[in-house]
Amino acid sequence: MQIVNSVRDIEEKFQDILLLKKNVQIISSLFEEMTKIVNEQNEAMDIIEEQTNSAKNKLKEGNKNLEEAKIYLEKERTNKCCFLMWLIMSFSAILIPIILAILNSNRIF
């Protein structure tokens, strides 16, 4: 009887060992899956970081272009004012003598 009990105990321990082995395999596969997920997240974070740096650089370049455009517009505005003043003075230089000549010719009559 004692031998039968010993065999049962050994069989129960063997079943417990098999169950423990199965549980360790499950835990191992869970860790492998977690490793894959972490690696995928690292890749995603690298992509996000790269895109963030790219956006940052493009923003700096855009701000630089805006500053250059502002300077260009200010120069263009100054040039337009100078051209308008030159145009007014040219027309004045042409029209004033003509108007004076017309006015003087009207006095003769």
N, C-alpha and C. Protein backbone atom coordinates (compact mmCIF):
# COMPACT_ATOMS: atom_id res chain seq x y z
N MET A 1 0.80 -1.18 0.00
CA MET A 1 0.00 0.00 0.00
C MET A 1 0.86 1.28 0.00
N GLN A 2 1.93 1.17 0.72
CA GLN A 2 2.80 2.31 0.82
C GLN A 2 3.46 2.59 -0.55
N ILE A 3 3.74 1.56 -1.29
CA ILE A 3 4.34 1.74 -2.60
C ILE A 3 3.35 2.41 -3.53
N VAL A 4 2.09 2.03 -3.46
CA VAL A 4 1.06 2.63 -4.31
C VAL A 4 0.93 4.11 -3.96
N ASN A 5 0.95 4.44 -2.69
CA ASN A 5 0.85 5.84 -2.26
C ASN A 5 2.07 6.63 -2.74
N SER A 6 3.23 5.99 -2.69
CA SER A 6 4.44 6.66 -3.14
C SER A 6 4.37 6.92 -4.65
N VAL A 7 3.85 5.94 -5.40
CA VAL A 7 3.72 6.10 -6.84
C VAL A 7 2.74 7.23 -7.15
N ARG A 8 1.63 7.28 -6.41
CA ARG A 8 0.64 8.37 -6.61
C ARG A 8 1.28 9.72 -6.32
N ASP A 9 2.03 9.77 -5.23
CA ASP A 9 2.69 11.04 -4.89
C ASP A 9 3.66 11.46 -6.00
N ILE A 10 4.40 10.49 -6.52
CA ILE A 10 5.35 10.78 -7.60
C ILE A 10 4.60 11.24 -8.84
N GLU A 11 3.48 10.59 -9.15
CA GLU A 11 2.68 10.98 -10.32
C GLU A 11 2.10 12.38 -10.14
N GLU A 12 1.62 12.67 -8.91
CA GLU A 12 1.08 14.01 -8.64
C GLU A 12 2.17 15.07 -8.77
N LYS A 13 3.36 14.78 -8.26
CA LYS A 13 4.48 15.72 -8.37
C LYS A 13 4.88 15.90 -9.83
N PHE A 14 4.86 14.78 -10.59
CA PHE A 14 5.18 14.86 -12.00
C PHE A 14 4.16 15.74 -12.73
N GLN A 15 2.87 15.58 -12.41
CA GLN A 15 1.82 16.42 -13.01
C GLN A 15 2.01 17.88 -12.61
N ASP A 16 2.38 18.08 -11.36
CA ASP A 16 2.64 19.47 -10.90
C ASP A 16 3.83 20.06 -11.66
N ILE A 17 4.87 19.26 -11.90
CA ILE A 17 6.03 19.73 -12.65
C ILE A 17 5.64 20.05 -14.09
N LEU A 18 4.82 19.20 -14.70
CA LEU A 18 4.34 19.47 -16.06
C LEU A 18 3.52 20.76 -16.12
N LEU A 19 2.65 20.96 -15.12
CA LEU A 19 1.86 22.18 -15.05
C LEU A 19 2.77 23.40 -14.87
N LEU A 20 3.77 23.26 -14.01
CA LEU A 20 4.71 24.35 -13.79
C LEU A 20 5.47 24.67 -15.08
N LYS A 21 5.88 23.61 -15.81
CA LYS A 21 6.56 23.80 -17.08
C LYS A 21 5.67 24.56 -18.06
N LYS A 22 4.41 24.18 -18.14
CA LYS A 22 3.46 24.84 -19.03
C LYS A 22 3.30 26.31 -18.65
N ASN A 23 3.18 26.58 -17.35
CA ASN A 23 3.02 27.97 -16.88
C ASN A 23 4.27 28.80 -17.18
N VAL A 24 5.46 28.19 -17.05
CA VAL A 24 6.71 28.90 -17.35
C VAL A 24 6.76 29.21 -18.84
N GLN A 25 6.32 28.27 -19.68
CA GLN A 25 6.29 28.51 -21.12
C GLN A 25 5.33 29.65 -21.46
N ILE A 26 4.18 29.69 -20.80
CA ILE A 26 3.22 30.78 -21.02
C ILE A 26 3.84 32.12 -20.62
N ILE A 27 4.48 32.14 -19.47
CA ILE A 27 5.12 33.38 -19.00
C ILE A 27 6.23 33.79 -19.97
N SER A 28 7.00 32.82 -20.44
CA SER A 28 8.06 33.11 -21.39
C SER A 28 7.51 33.71 -22.68
N SER A 29 6.42 33.14 -23.19
CA SER A 29 5.83 33.69 -24.43
C SER A 29 5.26 35.09 -24.17
N LEU A 30 4.71 35.32 -22.98
CA LEU A 30 4.22 36.67 -22.64
C LEU A 30 5.37 37.67 -22.65
N PHE A 31 6.51 37.28 -22.08
CA PHE A 31 7.67 38.17 -22.08
C PHE A 31 8.17 38.42 -23.50
N GLU A 32 8.15 37.40 -24.34
CA GLU A 32 8.55 37.59 -25.73
C GLU A 32 7.62 38.56 -26.44
N GLU A 33 6.32 38.42 -26.21
CA GLU A 33 5.36 39.35 -26.81
C GLU A 33 5.57 40.76 -26.30
N MET A 34 5.83 40.89 -24.99
CA MET A 34 6.08 42.22 -24.43
C MET A 34 7.34 42.83 -25.05
N THR A 35 8.35 42.01 -25.28
CA THR A 35 9.58 42.49 -25.91
C THR A 35 9.29 43.00 -27.32
N LYS A 36 8.50 42.24 -28.07
CA LYS A 36 8.13 42.69 -29.42
C LYS A 36 7.37 44.01 -29.36
N ILE A 37 6.43 44.12 -28.44
CA ILE A 37 5.64 45.36 -28.31
C ILE A 37 6.54 46.54 -27.94
N VAL A 38 7.45 46.33 -27.01
CA VAL A 38 8.37 47.40 -26.60
C VAL A 38 9.24 47.82 -27.78
N ASN A 39 9.74 46.85 -28.54
CA ASN A 39 10.57 47.18 -29.71
C ASN A 39 9.76 47.95 -30.75
N GLU A 40 8.52 47.55 -30.97
CA GLU A 40 7.66 48.28 -31.91
C GLU A 40 7.41 49.70 -31.42
N GLN A 41 7.20 49.84 -30.12
CA GLN A 41 6.99 51.18 -29.56
C GLN A 41 8.25 52.02 -29.68
N ASN A 42 9.41 51.40 -29.51
CA ASN A 42 10.67 52.14 -29.68
C ASN A 42 10.82 52.63 -31.11
N GLU A 43 10.47 51.76 -32.06
CA GLU A 43 10.53 52.18 -33.46
C GLU A 43 9.56 53.32 -33.72
N ALA A 44 8.35 53.21 -33.15
CA ALA A 44 7.37 54.29 -33.33
C ALA A 44 7.87 55.59 -32.68
N MET A 45 8.48 55.48 -31.52
CA MET A 45 9.01 56.67 -30.85
C MET A 45 10.15 57.29 -31.66
N ASP A 46 10.98 56.44 -32.28
CA ASP A 46 12.06 56.96 -33.13
C ASP A 46 11.48 57.73 -34.32
N ILE A 47 10.43 57.18 -34.92
CA ILE A 47 9.79 57.85 -36.05
C ILE A 47 9.19 59.18 -35.61
N ILE A 48 8.52 59.17 -34.46
CA ILE A 48 7.91 60.40 -33.94
C ILE A 48 9.00 61.44 -33.66
N GLU A 49 10.10 61.00 -33.07
CA GLU A 49 11.19 61.93 -32.77
C GLU A 49 11.77 62.52 -34.06
N GLU A 50 11.95 61.65 -35.06
CA GLU A 50 12.48 62.12 -36.34
C GLU A 50 11.54 63.12 -37.00
N GLN A 51 10.25 62.84 -36.96
CA GLN A 51 9.27 63.75 -37.56
C GLN A 51 9.19 65.05 -36.77
N THR A 52 9.31 64.97 -35.47
CA THR A 52 9.29 66.18 -34.64
C THR A 52 10.50 67.06 -34.96
N ASN A 53 11.67 66.44 -35.09
CA ASN A 53 12.87 67.21 -35.44
C ASN A 53 12.73 67.83 -36.83
N SER A 54 12.17 67.06 -37.75
CA SER A 54 11.96 67.59 -39.11
C SER A 54 11.01 68.78 -39.08
N ALA A 55 9.91 68.64 -38.33
CA ALA A 55 8.94 69.74 -38.23
C ALA A 55 9.59 70.97 -37.58
N LYS A 56 10.42 70.73 -36.58
CA LYS A 56 11.11 71.83 -35.90
C LYS A 56 12.02 72.57 -36.87
N ASN A 57 12.77 71.81 -37.68
CA ASN A 57 13.66 72.43 -38.66
C ASN A 57 12.88 73.19 -39.72
N LYS A 58 11.78 72.62 -40.18
CA LYS A 58 10.96 73.30 -41.19
C LYS A 58 10.32 74.55 -40.61
N LEU A 59 9.97 74.52 -39.34
CA LEU A 59 9.40 75.70 -38.69
C LEU A 59 10.43 76.81 -38.61
N LYS A 60 11.68 76.45 -38.26
CA LYS A 60 12.75 77.46 -38.23
C LYS A 60 12.96 78.06 -39.62
N GLU A 61 12.97 77.19 -40.63
CA GLU A 61 13.16 77.66 -42.00
C GLU A 61 11.99 78.55 -42.43
N GLY A 62 10.78 78.18 -42.04
CA GLY A 62 9.61 78.99 -42.37
C GLY A 62 9.67 80.36 -41.70
N ASN A 63 10.09 80.40 -40.45
CA ASN A 63 10.23 81.68 -39.76
C ASN A 63 11.29 82.55 -40.43
N LYS A 64 12.38 81.93 -40.86
CA LYS A 64 13.43 82.67 -41.56
C LYS A 64 12.87 83.25 -42.87
N ASN A 65 12.11 82.43 -43.61
CA ASN A 65 11.52 82.90 -44.86
C ASN A 65 10.53 84.03 -44.62
N LEU A 66 9.77 83.95 -43.53
CA LEU A 66 8.82 85.03 -43.21
C LEU A 66 9.57 86.33 -42.91
N GLU A 67 10.68 86.24 -42.20
CA GLU A 67 11.47 87.44 -41.90
C GLU A 67 12.02 88.05 -43.19
N GLU A 68 12.51 87.16 -44.08
CA GLU A 68 13.02 87.66 -45.36
C GLU A 68 11.92 88.30 -46.19
N ALA A 69 10.74 87.71 -46.16
CA ALA A 69 9.60 88.28 -46.91
C ALA A 69 9.22 89.63 -46.33
N LYS A 70 9.26 89.76 -45.02
CA LYS A 70 8.94 91.04 -44.37
C LYS A 70 9.90 92.13 -44.82
N ILE A 71 11.19 91.80 -44.82
CA ILE A 71 12.20 92.77 -45.27
C ILE A 71 11.98 93.12 -46.74
N TYR A 72 11.72 92.12 -47.56
CA TYR A 72 11.47 92.35 -48.98
C TYR A 72 10.27 93.26 -49.18
N LEU A 73 9.18 93.01 -48.44
CA LEU A 73 7.98 93.84 -48.59
C LEU A 73 8.24 95.28 -48.15
N GLU A 74 9.03 95.45 -47.10
CA GLU A 74 9.35 96.81 -46.66
C GLU A 74 10.17 97.53 -47.73
N LYS A 75 11.12 96.84 -48.33
CA LYS A 75 11.91 97.45 -49.40
C LYS A 75 11.03 97.76 -50.60
N GLU A 76 10.13 96.84 -50.92
CA GLU A 76 9.24 97.04 -52.06
C GLU A 76 8.33 98.25 -51.82
N ARG A 77 7.85 98.39 -50.61
CA ARG A 77 6.99 99.53 -50.28
C ARG A 77 7.76 100.83 -50.42
N THR A 78 9.01 100.83 -49.96
CA THR A 78 9.85 102.02 -50.09
C THR A 78 10.10 102.33 -51.56
N ASN A 79 10.39 101.31 -52.35
CA ASN A 79 10.62 101.51 -53.78
C ASN A 79 9.37 102.04 -54.48
N LYS A 80 8.21 101.56 -54.09
CA LYS A 80 6.97 102.04 -54.71
C LYS A 80 6.74 103.51 -54.37
N CYS A 81 7.02 103.87 -53.12
CA CYS A 81 6.87 105.27 -52.73
C CYS A 81 7.84 106.16 -53.50
N CYS A 82 9.07 105.70 -53.64
CA CYS A 82 10.05 106.49 -54.39
C CYS A 82 9.63 106.61 -55.85
N PHE A 83 9.16 105.52 -56.44
CA PHE A 83 8.71 105.56 -57.83
C PHE A 83 7.52 106.49 -57.99
N LEU A 84 6.59 106.46 -57.05
CA LEU A 84 5.43 107.34 -57.10
C LEU A 84 5.85 108.81 -57.00
N MET A 85 6.79 109.10 -56.10
CA MET A 85 7.28 110.47 -55.98
C MET A 85 7.99 110.90 -57.27
N TRP A 86 8.80 110.03 -57.86
CA TRP A 86 9.48 110.32 -59.12
C TRP A 86 8.47 110.58 -60.23
N LEU A 87 7.41 109.76 -60.27
CA LEU A 87 6.37 109.91 -61.29
C LEU A 87 5.65 111.25 -61.13
N ILE A 88 5.31 111.61 -59.91
CA ILE A 88 4.64 112.89 -59.65
C ILE A 88 5.55 114.05 -60.04
N MET A 89 6.81 113.95 -59.68
CA MET A 89 7.73 115.04 -60.01
C MET A 89 7.94 115.14 -61.53
N SER A 90 8.00 113.98 -62.20
CA SER A 90 8.16 114.00 -63.66
C SER A 90 6.97 114.64 -64.33
N PHE A 91 5.78 114.22 -63.92
CA PHE A 91 4.58 114.82 -64.51
C PHE A 91 4.51 116.30 -64.18
N SER A 92 4.90 116.64 -62.96
CA SER A 92 4.90 118.06 -62.60
C SER A 92 5.88 118.83 -63.47
N ALA A 93 7.05 118.27 -63.69
CA ALA A 93 8.06 118.94 -64.51
C ALA A 93 7.59 119.11 -65.94
N ILE A 94 6.78 118.18 -66.40
CA ILE A 94 6.28 118.27 -67.77
C ILE A 94 5.03 119.16 -67.83
N LEU A 95 4.12 118.99 -66.89
CA LEU A 95 2.83 119.68 -66.95
C LEU A 95 2.90 121.14 -66.52
N ILE A 96 3.73 121.45 -65.53
CA ILE A 96 3.79 122.84 -65.04
C ILE A 96 4.21 123.79 -66.17
N PRO A 97 5.26 123.49 -66.92
CA PRO A 97 5.61 124.42 -68.01
C PRO A 97 4.50 124.50 -69.06
N ILE A 98 3.85 123.38 -69.34
CA ILE A 98 2.76 123.40 -70.33
C ILE A 98 1.61 124.26 -69.82
N ILE A 99 1.24 124.08 -68.56
CA ILE A 99 0.15 124.88 -67.97
C ILE A 99 0.53 126.35 -67.95
N LEU A 100 1.77 126.64 -67.56
CA LEU A 100 2.22 128.03 -67.54
C LEU A 100 2.21 128.63 -68.95
N ALA A 101 2.62 127.84 -69.93
CA ALA A 101 2.61 128.32 -71.31
C ALA A 101 1.19 128.60 -71.76
N ILE A 102 0.27 127.73 -71.39
CA ILE A 102 -1.14 127.95 -71.75
C ILE A 102 -1.68 129.18 -71.07
N LEU A 103 -1.36 129.32 -69.80
CA LEU A 103 -1.83 130.50 -69.06
C LEU A 103 -1.21 131.78 -69.65
N ASN A 104 0.05 131.75 -69.99
CA ASN A 104 0.70 132.91 -70.59
C ASN A 104 0.15 133.23 -71.97
N SER A 105 -0.18 132.20 -72.72
CA SER A 105 -0.73 132.44 -74.05
C SER A 105 -2.15 133.02 -73.94
N ASN A 106 -2.84 132.69 -72.91
CA ASN A 106 -4.19 133.25 -72.71
C ASN A 106 -4.11 134.71 -72.31
N ARG A 107 -3.05 135.15 -71.70
CA ARG A 107 -2.91 136.54 -71.30
C ARG A 107 -2.64 137.43 -72.51
N ILE A 108 -2.05 136.87 -73.52
CA ILE A 108 -1.75 137.68 -74.71
C ILE A 108 -3.04 138.12 -75.38
N PHE A 109 -4.00 137.32 -75.38
CA PHE A 109 -5.26 137.66 -76.03
C PHE A 109 -5.96 138.69 -75.28
